[in-house]
Every structure is written in structure tokens, then in C-alpha cells.
Amino acid sequence: PLLNSAAGRTVQDLSRYPVFPWVIADYTSSKLDLTKRETFRDLTKPIGALNEKRLEYFRQRYESMADMEDPFLYGTHYSAAGYVLYYLVRSMPEHMLCLQNGKFDAPDRMFHSVHQ
């Protein structure tokens, strides 16, 4: 909470909603062993660089923007208002009824696994 407050993040503004770093790498164990290094992701790299195949995709895309004035590696911010709403609706599914004509969202779009 202190880091988010110092950064000016608040639950009152979706564009500055508090964030928590993605630190866990073990999504299959029934109990996490917090003493094992493998339990945590490599914090020396951004999320987009953890998977070599994904990083290569971003590098190729960046290189294809050579003629652009401001090329970029990642096209979206980690805390966009749309992501915040996606999280909030799934953390309180009863509110989804107001957004989807009184019905829950399509099952294939509902959250089911961090690992996948």
C-alpha cells in the first residue's frame, strides 16, 4: 500500500488503480514453498521478457517500427482502465449482471486459470 500511495495510485481513479507486482512463478503446486527460489518469477526482467518466444515477437515488432518516430516494445500499459474493470468485474461477478444484459459473460472469457 505504501508504494502505491507514494506513486499517487488510488482506487478512486481507474487510470491510477493500485498495482501489485506479479511475483509468483509456481501455479501448479497445491501449497507454495516460499523458501524455494523457483516459486518466484525472475524480477530482473519485465513480464514480456520472461518467455523467450514472446520476447522475440516483441523484438521483431519493434524492429519493424524502425521508420516510426517513436517505436515501442510494448503497446499497452500494465494498468489500463480496461484491465482494471476486467479484474473488478471478475472479482465481484454479481456486478456482471448489470454489464451483460442481466446474464453472466460468455464462459470462455471468464477467468479460470493463472497457469494457462
C-alpha atoms as a PDB file:
ATOM      1  CA  PRO A   1       0.000   0.000   0.000  1.00  0.00           C
ATOM      2  CA  LEU A   2       2.793   2.444   0.812  1.00  0.00           C
ATOM      3  CA  LEU A   3       4.452   2.164  -2.607  1.00  0.00           C
ATOM      4  CA  ASN A   4       1.126   2.633  -4.414  1.00  0.00           C
ATOM      5  CA  SER A   5       0.316   5.676  -2.248  1.00  0.00           C
ATOM      6  CA  ALA A   6       3.721   7.218  -2.931  1.00  0.00           C
ATOM      7  CA  ALA A   7       3.124   6.704  -6.647  1.00  0.00           C
ATOM      8  CA  GLY A   8      -0.210   8.523  -6.428  1.00  0.00           C
ATOM      9  CA  ARG A   9      -2.271   5.386  -7.093  1.00  0.00           C
ATOM     10  CA  THR A  10      -5.834   5.270  -5.787  1.00  0.00           C
ATOM     11  CA  VAL A  11      -8.959   3.105  -6.078  1.00  0.00           C
ATOM     12  CA  GLN A  12     -10.851   6.325  -6.870  1.00  0.00           C
ATOM     13  CA  ASP A  13      -9.274   6.590 -10.362  1.00  0.00           C
ATOM     14  CA  LEU A  14      -9.219   3.627 -12.785  1.00  0.00           C
ATOM     15  CA  SER A  15      -6.263   5.096 -14.676  1.00  0.00           C
ATOM     16  CA  ARG A  16      -4.209   5.122 -11.465  1.00  0.00           C
ATOM     17  CA  TYR A  17      -5.557   1.983  -9.761  1.00  0.00           C
ATOM     18  CA  PRO A  18      -3.142   0.332  -7.272  1.00  0.00           C
ATOM     19  CA  VAL A  19      -0.993  -2.447  -8.714  1.00  0.00           C
ATOM     20  CA  PHE A  20       0.727  -5.446  -7.206  1.00  0.00           C
ATOM     21  CA  PRO A  21       3.782  -6.894  -8.941  1.00  0.00           C
ATOM     22  CA  TRP A  22       3.391 -10.357 -10.462  1.00  0.00           C
ATOM     23  CA  VAL A  23       5.905 -12.261  -8.314  1.00  0.00           C
ATOM     24  CA  ILE A  24       4.758 -15.899  -8.256  1.00  0.00           C
ATOM     25  CA  ALA A  25       6.000 -18.370 -10.884  1.00  0.00           C
ATOM     26  CA  ASP A  26       4.586 -21.608  -9.455  1.00  0.00           C
ATOM     27  CA  TYR A  27       0.946 -22.030 -10.471  1.00  0.00           C
ATOM     28  CA  THR A  28       0.659 -25.792 -10.110  1.00  0.00           C
ATOM     29  CA  SER A  29       1.622 -26.601  -6.516  1.00  0.00           C
ATOM     30  CA  SER A  30      -1.198 -27.092  -4.036  1.00  0.00           C
ATOM     31  CA  LYS A  31       0.957 -25.318  -1.426  1.00  0.00           C
ATOM     32  CA  LEU A  32       3.595 -22.675  -2.160  1.00  0.00           C
ATOM     33  CA  ASP A  33       7.041 -23.107  -0.644  1.00  0.00           C
ATOM     34  CA  LEU A  34       8.169 -19.517  -0.116  1.00  0.00           C
ATOM     35  CA  THR A  35      11.711 -20.662   0.688  1.00  0.00           C
ATOM     36  CA  LYS A  36      12.285 -22.013  -2.836  1.00  0.00           C
ATOM     37  CA  ARG A  37      13.672 -19.628  -5.437  1.00  0.00           C
ATOM     38  CA  GLU A  38      11.651 -21.386  -8.192  1.00  0.00           C
ATOM     39  CA  THR A  39       8.414 -20.259  -6.529  1.00  0.00           C
ATOM     40  CA  PHE A  40       9.086 -16.679  -7.631  1.00  0.00           C
ATOM     41  CA  ARG A  41       9.456 -15.179 -11.094  1.00  0.00           C
ATOM     42  CA  ASP A  42      12.675 -13.527 -12.256  1.00  0.00           C
ATOM     43  CA  LEU A  43      12.200  -9.907 -11.164  1.00  0.00           C
ATOM     44  CA  THR A  44      15.200  -8.722 -13.210  1.00  0.00           C
ATOM     45  CA  LYS A  45      13.020  -8.907 -16.345  1.00  0.00           C
ATOM     46  CA  PRO A  46       9.663  -7.397 -17.255  1.00  0.00           C
ATOM     47  CA  ILE A  47       6.739  -9.825 -17.720  1.00  0.00           C
ATOM     48  CA  GLY A  48       7.040  -9.609 -21.502  1.00  0.00           C
ATOM     49  CA  ALA A  49      10.639 -10.849 -21.384  1.00  0.00           C
ATOM     50  CA  LEU A  50      10.088 -13.952 -19.229  1.00  0.00           C
ATOM     51  CA  ASN A  51       9.142 -16.095 -22.201  1.00  0.00           C
ATOM     52  CA  GLU A  52      11.817 -16.137 -24.963  1.00  0.00           C
ATOM     53  CA  LYS A  53       9.274 -16.736 -27.725  1.00  0.00           C
ATOM     54  CA  ARG A  54       7.146 -13.806 -26.590  1.00  0.00           C
ATOM     55  CA  LEU A  55      10.184 -11.545 -26.199  1.00  0.00           C
ATOM     56  CA  GLU A  56      11.314 -12.404 -29.729  1.00  0.00           C
ATOM     57  CA  TYR A  57       7.874 -11.411 -31.030  1.00  0.00           C
ATOM     58  CA  PHE A  58       8.144  -8.010 -29.315  1.00  0.00           C
ATOM     59  CA  ARG A  59      11.694  -7.506 -30.626  1.00  0.00           C
ATOM     60  CA  GLN A  60      10.642  -8.251 -34.209  1.00  0.00           C
ATOM     61  CA  ARG A  61       7.680  -5.914 -33.889  1.00  0.00           C
ATOM     62  CA  TYR A  62       9.957  -3.186 -32.504  1.00  0.00           C
ATOM     63  CA  GLU A  63      12.422  -3.613 -35.368  1.00  0.00           C
ATOM     64  CA  SER A  64       9.581  -3.361 -37.894  1.00  0.00           C
ATOM     65  CA  MET A  65       8.824   0.109 -36.475  1.00  0.00           C
ATOM     66  CA  ALA A  66      12.264   1.450 -37.419  1.00  0.00           C
ATOM     67  CA  ASP A  67      10.709   4.119 -39.641  1.00  0.00           C
ATOM     68  CA  MET A  68       8.386   5.356 -36.874  1.00  0.00           C
ATOM     69  CA  GLU A  69       9.281   8.448 -34.876  1.00  0.00           C
ATOM     70  CA  ASP A  70       8.659   6.759 -31.505  1.00  0.00           C
ATOM     71  CA  PRO A  71       8.908   2.954 -31.749  1.00  0.00           C
ATOM     72  CA  PHE A  72       7.843   0.992 -28.670  1.00  0.00           C
ATOM     73  CA  LEU A  73       8.405  -2.502 -27.303  1.00  0.00           C
ATOM     74  CA  TYR A  74       5.080  -2.975 -25.516  1.00  0.00           C
ATOM     75  CA  GLY A  75       1.872  -1.485 -26.893  1.00  0.00           C
ATOM     76  CA  THR A  76      -0.177  -1.277 -23.702  1.00  0.00           C
ATOM     77  CA  HIS A  77       0.371  -0.146 -20.140  1.00  0.00           C
ATOM     78  CA  TYR A  78       0.157  -2.722 -17.350  1.00  0.00           C
ATOM     79  CA  SER A  79      -2.589  -0.793 -15.591  1.00  0.00           C
ATOM     80  CA  ALA A  80      -5.062   0.467 -18.183  1.00  0.00           C
ATOM     81  CA  ALA A  81      -8.627   1.230 -17.111  1.00  0.00           C
ATOM     82  CA  GLY A  82      -9.927  -1.679 -19.209  1.00  0.00           C
ATOM     83  CA  TYR A  83      -7.697  -4.140 -17.347  1.00  0.00           C
ATOM     84  CA  VAL A  84      -8.856  -2.754 -14.010  1.00  0.00           C
ATOM     85  CA  LEU A  85     -12.517  -3.141 -14.973  1.00  0.00           C
ATOM     86  CA  TYR A  86     -11.855  -6.676 -16.254  1.00  0.00           C
ATOM     87  CA  TYR A  87     -10.349  -7.561 -12.860  1.00  0.00           C
ATOM     88  CA  LEU A  88     -13.024  -5.826 -10.791  1.00  0.00           C
ATOM     89  CA  VAL A  89     -15.932  -7.452 -12.609  1.00  0.00           C
ATOM     90  CA  ARG A  90     -14.378 -10.896 -12.209  1.00  0.00           C
ATOM     91  CA  SER A  91     -13.626 -10.346  -8.529  1.00  0.00           C
ATOM     92  CA  MET A  92     -17.318  -9.438  -7.998  1.00  0.00           C
ATOM     93  CA  PRO A  93     -19.239 -11.454 -10.623  1.00  0.00           C
ATOM     94  CA  GLU A  94     -22.615 -10.356  -9.285  1.00  0.00           C
ATOM     95  CA  HIS A  95     -21.909  -6.953 -10.879  1.00  0.00           C
ATOM     96  CA  MET A  96     -21.507  -8.617 -14.280  1.00  0.00           C
ATOM     97  CA  LEU A  97     -25.284  -8.929 -14.469  1.00  0.00           C
ATOM     98  CA  CYS A  98     -25.541  -5.177 -14.944  1.00  0.00           C
ATOM     99  CA  LEU A  99     -22.998  -5.207 -17.777  1.00  0.00           C
ATOM    100  CA  GLN A 100     -24.226  -8.155 -19.835  1.00  0.00           C
ATOM    101  CA  ASN A 101     -27.993  -7.617 -20.172  1.00  0.00           C
ATOM    102  CA  GLY A 102     -28.748  -9.487 -16.965  1.00  0.00           C
ATOM    103  CA  LYS A 103     -26.650 -12.539 -17.881  1.00  0.00           C
ATOM    104  CA  PHE A 104     -23.149 -13.668 -16.962  1.00  0.00           C
ATOM    105  CA  ASP A 105     -20.417 -13.201 -19.565  1.00  0.00           C
ATOM    106  CA  ALA A 106     -19.533 -15.888 -22.113  1.00  0.00           C
ATOM    107  CA  PRO A 107     -17.893 -18.809 -20.242  1.00  0.00           C
ATOM    108  CA  ASP A 108     -14.808 -18.830 -22.493  1.00  0.00           C
ATOM    109  CA  ARG A 109     -13.994 -15.259 -21.430  1.00  0.00           C
ATOM    110  CA  MET A 110     -14.355 -15.804 -17.694  1.00  0.00           C
ATOM    111  CA  PHE A 111     -11.182 -16.278 -15.672  1.00  0.00           C
ATOM    112  CA  HIS A 112     -10.353 -19.914 -14.933  1.00  0.00           C
ATOM    113  CA  SER A 113      -6.571 -20.382 -14.577  1.00  0.00           C
ATOM    114  CA  VAL A 114      -3.489 -18.244 -13.907  1.00  0.00           C
ATOM    115  CA  HIS A 115      -1.302 -21.074 -15.193  1.00  0.00           C
ATOM    116  CA  GLN A 116      -2.942 -21.094 -18.636  1.00  0.00           C
END
